[in-house]
Protein backbone atom coordinates (compact mmCIF):
# COMPACT_ATOMS: atom_id res chain seq x y z
CA GLN A 1 17.41 -6.66 7.28
CA VAL A 2 13.86 -4.96 6.59
CA GLN A 3 11.62 -7.69 5.12
CA LEU A 4 7.98 -6.87 3.40
CA VAL A 5 6.10 -9.64 2.32
CA GLU A 6 2.22 -8.44 1.04
CA SER A 7 -0.61 -10.95 0.69
CA GLY A 8 -4.66 -10.32 0.98
CA GLY A 9 -4.57 -9.78 -3.18
CA GLY A 10 -6.85 -11.82 -5.88
CA LEU A 11 -9.82 -11.87 -7.86
CA VAL A 12 -12.54 -9.66 -6.77
CA GLN A 13 -16.01 -8.66 -9.11
CA ALA A 14 -16.39 -4.44 -9.41
CA GLY A 15 -17.71 -3.29 -6.09
CA GLY A 16 -16.17 -5.47 -4.08
CA SER A 17 -13.43 -5.54 -1.08
CA LEU A 18 -10.19 -7.05 -0.61
CA ARG A 19 -8.33 -5.94 2.33
CA LEU A 20 -4.14 -6.65 1.88
CA SER A 21 -1.42 -6.61 4.39
CA CYS A 22 1.93 -6.11 4.45
CA ALA A 23 3.88 -8.00 6.89
CA ALA A 24 7.25 -6.37 8.54
CA SER A 25 10.26 -7.45 10.05
CA GLY A 26 13.50 -5.86 11.03
CA LEU A 27 12.32 -2.99 11.28
CA ILE A 28 9.61 -1.13 13.82
CA LEU A 29 6.41 0.89 12.10
CA SER A 30 6.11 3.60 13.72
CA ASN A 31 9.82 4.58 13.03
CA TYR A 32 8.60 4.71 9.33
CA ALA A 33 6.72 5.84 6.51
CA MET A 34 4.57 3.14 5.01
CA GLY A 35 3.08 3.25 1.60
CA TRP A 36 1.44 1.41 -0.81
CA PHE A 37 2.05 1.89 -4.85
CA ARG A 38 0.44 -0.15 -7.60
CA GLN A 39 1.50 -1.28 -11.38
CA ALA A 40 -0.53 -2.09 -14.11
CA PRO A 41 0.66 -3.64 -17.04
CA GLY A 42 2.16 -1.23 -19.12
CA LYS A 43 1.77 1.54 -16.75
CA GLU A 44 4.71 2.80 -14.00
CA ARG A 45 4.25 2.08 -10.10
CA GLU A 46 2.23 4.55 -8.92
CA PHE A 47 1.09 5.81 -5.40
CA VAL A 48 -1.84 4.80 -3.65
CA ALA A 49 -1.52 6.03 -0.21
CA VAL A 50 0.77 6.54 2.86
CA LEU A 51 0.63 6.07 6.28
CA THR A 52 3.58 9.01 7.46
CA ARG A 53 5.89 8.59 9.98
CA SER A 54 5.68 11.16 12.16
CA SER A 55 2.37 11.64 13.02
CA GLY A 56 0.80 8.68 11.18
CA SER A 57 -1.59 11.13 9.07
CA THR A 58 -2.42 9.20 5.76
CA ILE A 59 -2.38 10.38 2.49
CA TYR A 60 -4.17 9.22 -0.33
CA VAL A 61 -4.05 9.69 -4.73
CA ASP A 62 -7.20 11.37 -5.30
CA SER A 63 -8.49 8.19 -7.63
CA VAL A 64 -8.91 6.38 -4.41
CA LYS A 65 -10.39 8.73 -1.47
CA GLY A 66 -13.18 7.57 0.09
CA ARG A 67 -12.87 3.65 -1.09
CA PHE A 68 -9.31 3.01 0.08
CA THR A 69 -7.83 3.14 3.27
CA ILE A 70 -4.14 2.54 5.05
CA SER A 71 -3.78 1.46 8.29
CA ARG A 72 -1.73 -0.08 10.93
CA ASP A 73 -1.46 -2.64 13.82
CA ASN A 74 1.91 -2.03 15.30
CA ALA A 75 1.21 -5.37 17.56
CA ARG A 76 1.75 -7.17 14.71
CA ASN A 77 3.68 -4.97 12.85
CA THR A 78 1.72 -5.07 9.96
CA VAL A 79 -0.02 -1.98 7.94
CA TYR A 80 -3.11 -2.82 5.64
CA LEU A 81 -5.16 -1.70 2.91
CA GLN A 82 -8.39 -1.74 2.95
CA MET A 83 -9.91 -1.23 -0.56
CA ASN A 84 -13.61 -1.30 -0.68
CA SER A 85 -16.06 -0.07 -4.26
CA LEU A 86 -12.88 -1.98 -6.50
CA LYS A 87 -13.00 -0.56 -9.76
CA PRO A 88 -11.36 -2.77 -12.90
CA GLU A 89 -8.90 -0.17 -13.17
CA ASP A 90 -8.09 -1.02 -9.41
CA THR A 91 -6.23 -3.68 -11.31
CA ALA A 92 -2.79 -3.77 -10.54
CA VAL A 93 0.07 -5.38 -8.61
CA TYR A 94 0.18 -3.90 -5.15
CA TYR A 95 3.03 -2.79 -3.44
CA CYS A 96 4.04 -2.20 -0.55
CA ALA A 97 7.07 0.23 0.79
CA ALA A 98 8.70 1.33 3.80
CA SER A 99 10.90 4.85 4.39
CA PRO A 100 13.21 5.81 7.00
CA TYR A 101 12.44 9.47 5.98
CA GLN A 102 10.12 12.25 6.71
CA GLY A 103 8.79 14.82 4.66
CA GLY A 104 7.20 15.40 1.06
CA ASN A 105 8.33 12.96 -1.26
CA TYR A 106 5.80 10.34 -0.05
CA TYR A 107 4.35 9.90 -3.09
CA GLN A 108 7.86 8.72 -4.81
CA VAL A 109 8.78 5.15 -5.78
CA GLN A 110 12.70 6.29 -4.87
CA TRP A 111 12.21 7.81 -1.27
CA TYR A 112 11.37 4.20 -0.13
CA GLY A 113 14.41 1.81 0.65
CA SER A 114 12.30 -1.54 1.20
CA TRP A 115 9.92 -3.06 -0.79
CA GLY A 116 7.58 -6.23 -0.88
CA GLN A 117 7.02 -8.40 -3.69
CA GLY A 118 3.54 -7.62 -4.68
CA THR A 119 -0.08 -8.78 -4.63
CA GLN A 120 -2.44 -8.44 -8.17
CA VAL A 121 -5.26 -7.41 -7.95
CA THR A 122 -7.91 -8.09 -10.67
CA VAL A 123 -11.47 -6.50 -10.67
CA SER A 124 -13.69 -8.46 -13.25
CA SER A 125 -16.52 -6.06 -14.78
């Protein structure tokens, strides 16, 4: 079955950088749209970025554009989220997700069928 395992979270000062990794097994990355979501305490899980299945194009939520970069390494079956210029409001648990679908619903939690366990990112001011 599909398994996603995130790593790379931690505590960083504002302005710093982290790179999250999502190691995938049980799937071929190029056949899936791969997304990153985050959930802060008391808030709903929100879309952060996606690498689409068909074209491999990238889409970001406005609040991270220019600061975060999603990428994948097909040989390692791993997806990354490079996060630069981090802000305290980026503090959340970050989740990796996989969807076998094509289309425009990449920002919806229910579009994804497989999720990782999450990794905590804390940005101090």
